[in-house]
Amino acid sequence: MKIGLYALATCVGLVGLVFLVGNQGLVQRMVVGAVLVGAAIAIMGLTRLKAPAPSVHIVQNIDLPGESDLEQLKCRNCAAPLDEKSVELRDGAIFVKCPHCGTSYQIEEAPKW
């Protein structure tokens, strides 16, 4: 894509220079040449623009064994029920922020022994 824009800018710029050099005193040729050279400069400027970084959306799925029972997650502080918007994964750890009392804490898994 960039190579094509560089080639286009070069061609437009050269045609503009031809119009400027061979104007033979005609104002119209000088204007057309100036416009073409300006367009070539603008095209070169467009090649310098960077595309925005693509956004990344990460989905994490958890496979539970067949014997698992789900229970309602409740706040440690006020025992209010928590929803999926209250749970956040940061640096590999699960954090909870209660929308009712504002308490924030990390969930730690109890040992299964």
C-alpha atoms as a PDB file:
ATOM      1  CA  MET A   1       0.000   0.000   0.000  1.00  0.00           C
ATOM      2  CA  LYS A   2       2.744   2.440   0.961  1.00  0.00           C
ATOM      3  CA  ILE A   3       4.806   1.604  -2.113  1.00  0.00           C
ATOM      4  CA  GLY A   4       1.817   2.333  -4.335  1.00  0.00           C
ATOM      5  CA  LEU A   5       1.259   5.702  -2.636  1.00  0.00           C
ATOM      6  CA  TYR A   6       4.941   6.587  -3.000  1.00  0.00           C
ATOM      7  CA  ALA A   7       4.814   5.704  -6.713  1.00  0.00           C
ATOM      8  CA  LEU A   8       1.652   7.777  -7.179  1.00  0.00           C
ATOM      9  CA  ALA A   9       3.172  10.749  -5.359  1.00  0.00           C
ATOM     10  CA  THR A  10       6.308  10.512  -7.487  1.00  0.00           C
ATOM     11  CA  CYS A  11       4.329  10.445 -10.743  1.00  0.00           C
ATOM     12  CA  VAL A  12       2.074  13.323  -9.718  1.00  0.00           C
ATOM     13  CA  GLY A  13       5.082  15.330  -8.529  1.00  0.00           C
ATOM     14  CA  LEU A  14       6.998  14.764 -11.771  1.00  0.00           C
ATOM     15  CA  VAL A  15       4.019  15.822 -13.895  1.00  0.00           C
ATOM     16  CA  GLY A  16       3.678  18.896 -11.698  1.00  0.00           C
ATOM     17  CA  LEU A  17       7.355  19.733 -12.220  1.00  0.00           C
ATOM     18  CA  VAL A  18       6.930  19.328 -15.977  1.00  0.00           C
ATOM     19  CA  PHE A  19       4.078  21.824 -15.871  1.00  0.00           C
ATOM     20  CA  LEU A  20       6.139  24.266 -13.796  1.00  0.00           C
ATOM     21  CA  VAL A  21       9.285  24.004 -15.930  1.00  0.00           C
ATOM     22  CA  GLY A  22       7.491  24.146 -19.268  1.00  0.00           C
ATOM     23  CA  ASN A  23       4.947  26.836 -18.413  1.00  0.00           C
ATOM     24  CA  GLN A  24       6.080  29.171 -21.266  1.00  0.00           C
ATOM     25  CA  GLY A  25       4.730  32.139 -19.339  1.00  0.00           C
ATOM     26  CA  LEU A  26       1.193  30.717 -19.013  1.00  0.00           C
ATOM     27  CA  VAL A  27      -0.318  31.221 -15.573  1.00  0.00           C
ATOM     28  CA  GLN A  28      -2.655  28.252 -15.964  1.00  0.00           C
ATOM     29  CA  ARG A  29       0.284  25.850 -16.350  1.00  0.00           C
ATOM     30  CA  MET A  30       1.982  27.307 -13.276  1.00  0.00           C
ATOM     31  CA  VAL A  31      -1.221  26.865 -11.243  1.00  0.00           C
ATOM     32  CA  VAL A  32      -1.711  23.282 -12.453  1.00  0.00           C
ATOM     33  CA  GLY A  33       1.962  22.499 -11.727  1.00  0.00           C
ATOM     34  CA  ALA A  34       1.733  23.998  -8.213  1.00  0.00           C
ATOM     35  CA  VAL A  35      -1.459  22.064  -7.499  1.00  0.00           C
ATOM     36  CA  LEU A  36       0.101  18.796  -8.692  1.00  0.00           C
ATOM     37  CA  VAL A  37       3.266  19.314  -6.640  1.00  0.00           C
ATOM     38  CA  GLY A  38       1.082  20.148  -3.610  1.00  0.00           C
ATOM     39  CA  ALA A  39      -0.951  16.996  -4.196  1.00  0.00           C
ATOM     40  CA  ALA A  40       2.251  14.950  -4.348  1.00  0.00           C
ATOM     41  CA  ILE A  41       3.390  16.419  -1.036  1.00  0.00           C
ATOM     42  CA  ALA A  42      -0.031  15.674   0.496  1.00  0.00           C
ATOM     43  CA  ILE A  43       0.098  12.060  -0.700  1.00  0.00           C
ATOM     44  CA  MET A  44       3.566  11.677   0.814  1.00  0.00           C
ATOM     45  CA  GLY A  45       2.172  13.069   4.074  1.00  0.00           C
ATOM     46  CA  LEU A  46      -0.626  10.487   4.022  1.00  0.00           C
ATOM     47  CA  THR A  47       1.904   7.677   3.830  1.00  0.00           C
ATOM     48  CA  ARG A  48       3.389   8.867   7.118  1.00  0.00           C
ATOM     49  CA  LEU A  49       0.094   8.496   9.009  1.00  0.00           C
ATOM     50  CA  LYS A  50      -0.134   5.446  11.225  1.00  0.00           C
ATOM     51  CA  ALA A  51      -3.215   3.267  11.331  1.00  0.00           C
ATOM     52  CA  PRO A  52      -4.889   3.025  14.731  1.00  0.00           C
ATOM     53  CA  ALA A  53      -3.958  -0.029  16.726  1.00  0.00           C
ATOM     54  CA  PRO A  54      -6.607  -2.736  16.566  1.00  0.00           C
ATOM     55  CA  SER A  55      -8.558  -3.237  19.756  1.00  0.00           C
ATOM     56  CA  VAL A  56      -8.121  -6.578  21.476  1.00  0.00           C
ATOM     57  CA  HIS A  57     -11.047  -8.325  23.131  1.00  0.00           C
ATOM     58  CA  ILE A  58     -10.090 -11.280  25.296  1.00  0.00           C
ATOM     59  CA  VAL A  59     -12.670 -13.870  26.299  1.00  0.00           C
ATOM     60  CA  GLN A  60     -11.802 -16.335  29.018  1.00  0.00           C
ATOM     61  CA  ASN A  61     -13.875 -19.500  29.269  1.00  0.00           C
ATOM     62  CA  ILE A  62     -13.727 -21.784  32.285  1.00  0.00           C
ATOM     63  CA  ASP A  63     -14.493 -25.475  31.933  1.00  0.00           C
ATOM     64  CA  LEU A  64     -16.008 -26.899  35.107  1.00  0.00           C
ATOM     65  CA  PRO A  65     -16.037 -30.604  35.917  1.00  0.00           C
ATOM     66  CA  GLY A  66     -19.390 -32.380  35.730  1.00  0.00           C
ATOM     67  CA  GLU A  67     -19.799 -32.518  39.527  1.00  0.00           C
ATOM     68  CA  SER A  68     -19.480 -28.770  40.053  1.00  0.00           C
ATOM     69  CA  ASP A  69     -22.313 -26.833  41.607  1.00  0.00           C
ATOM     70  CA  LEU A  70     -22.572 -23.110  41.011  1.00  0.00           C
ATOM     71  CA  GLU A  71     -23.393 -20.877  43.911  1.00  0.00           C
ATOM     72  CA  GLN A  72     -24.271 -17.214  44.060  1.00  0.00           C
ATOM     73  CA  LEU A  73     -21.181 -15.083  44.684  1.00  0.00           C
ATOM     74  CA  LYS A  74     -21.746 -12.739  47.631  1.00  0.00           C
ATOM     75  CA  CYS A  75     -19.740  -9.817  49.000  1.00  0.00           C
ATOM     76  CA  ARG A  76     -17.573 -10.616  52.027  1.00  0.00           C
ATOM     77  CA  ASN A  77     -18.427  -7.313  53.654  1.00  0.00           C
ATOM     78  CA  CYS A  78     -22.175  -6.801  53.132  1.00  0.00           C
ATOM     79  CA  ALA A  79     -23.305 -10.195  51.705  1.00  0.00           C
ATOM     80  CA  ALA A  80     -24.927  -8.495  48.707  1.00  0.00           C
ATOM     81  CA  PRO A  81     -25.180 -10.671  45.580  1.00  0.00           C
ATOM     82  CA  LEU A  82     -22.496  -9.951  42.972  1.00  0.00           C
ATOM     83  CA  ASP A  83     -22.926 -10.139  39.215  1.00  0.00           C
ATOM     84  CA  GLU A  84     -20.439 -10.618  36.356  1.00  0.00           C
ATOM     85  CA  LYS A  85     -19.799  -6.860  36.179  1.00  0.00           C
ATOM     86  CA  SER A  86     -18.425  -6.941  39.719  1.00  0.00           C
ATOM     87  CA  VAL A  87     -15.725  -9.512  38.898  1.00  0.00           C
ATOM     88  CA  GLU A  88     -12.514  -8.538  37.081  1.00  0.00           C
ATOM     89  CA  LEU A  89      -9.409 -10.490  36.089  1.00  0.00           C
ATOM     90  CA  ARG A  90      -6.156  -8.530  36.643  1.00  0.00           C
ATOM     91  CA  ASP A  91      -2.672  -9.999  36.350  1.00  0.00           C
ATOM     92  CA  GLY A  92      -4.032 -13.533  36.569  1.00  0.00           C
ATOM     93  CA  ALA A  93      -5.944 -12.916  39.809  1.00  0.00           C
ATOM     94  CA  ILE A  94      -9.683 -12.492  40.319  1.00  0.00           C
ATOM     95  CA  PHE A  95     -10.733  -9.222  41.937  1.00  0.00           C
ATOM     96  CA  VAL A  96     -14.212  -8.272  43.118  1.00  0.00           C
ATOM     97  CA  LYS A  97     -15.652  -4.810  43.670  1.00  0.00           C
ATOM     98  CA  CYS A  98     -19.024  -4.720  45.388  1.00  0.00           C
ATOM     99  CA  PRO A  99     -21.420  -2.258  43.722  1.00  0.00           C
ATOM    100  CA  HIS A 100     -23.389  -1.913  46.981  1.00  0.00           C
ATOM    101  CA  CYS A 101     -20.762  -1.144  49.627  1.00  0.00           C
ATOM    102  CA  GLY A 102     -17.741  -0.370  47.400  1.00  0.00           C
ATOM    103  CA  THR A 103     -15.487  -2.981  49.026  1.00  0.00           C
ATOM    104  CA  SER A 104     -12.757  -4.312  46.755  1.00  0.00           C
ATOM    105  CA  TYR A 105     -10.848  -7.529  47.384  1.00  0.00           C
ATOM    106  CA  GLN A 106      -9.121 -10.455  45.695  1.00  0.00           C
ATOM    107  CA  ILE A 107     -10.789 -13.852  45.639  1.00  0.00           C
ATOM    108  CA  GLU A 108      -8.558 -16.614  46.937  1.00  0.00           C
ATOM    109  CA  GLU A 109      -9.363 -20.251  46.335  1.00  0.00           C
ATOM    110  CA  ALA A 110      -9.542 -22.365  49.460  1.00  0.00           C
ATOM    111  CA  PRO A 111      -7.433 -25.527  49.430  1.00  0.00           C
ATOM    112  CA  LYS A 112      -9.352 -28.679  48.487  1.00  0.00           C
ATOM    113  CA  TRP A 113      -7.684 -31.080  50.910  1.00  0.00           C
END
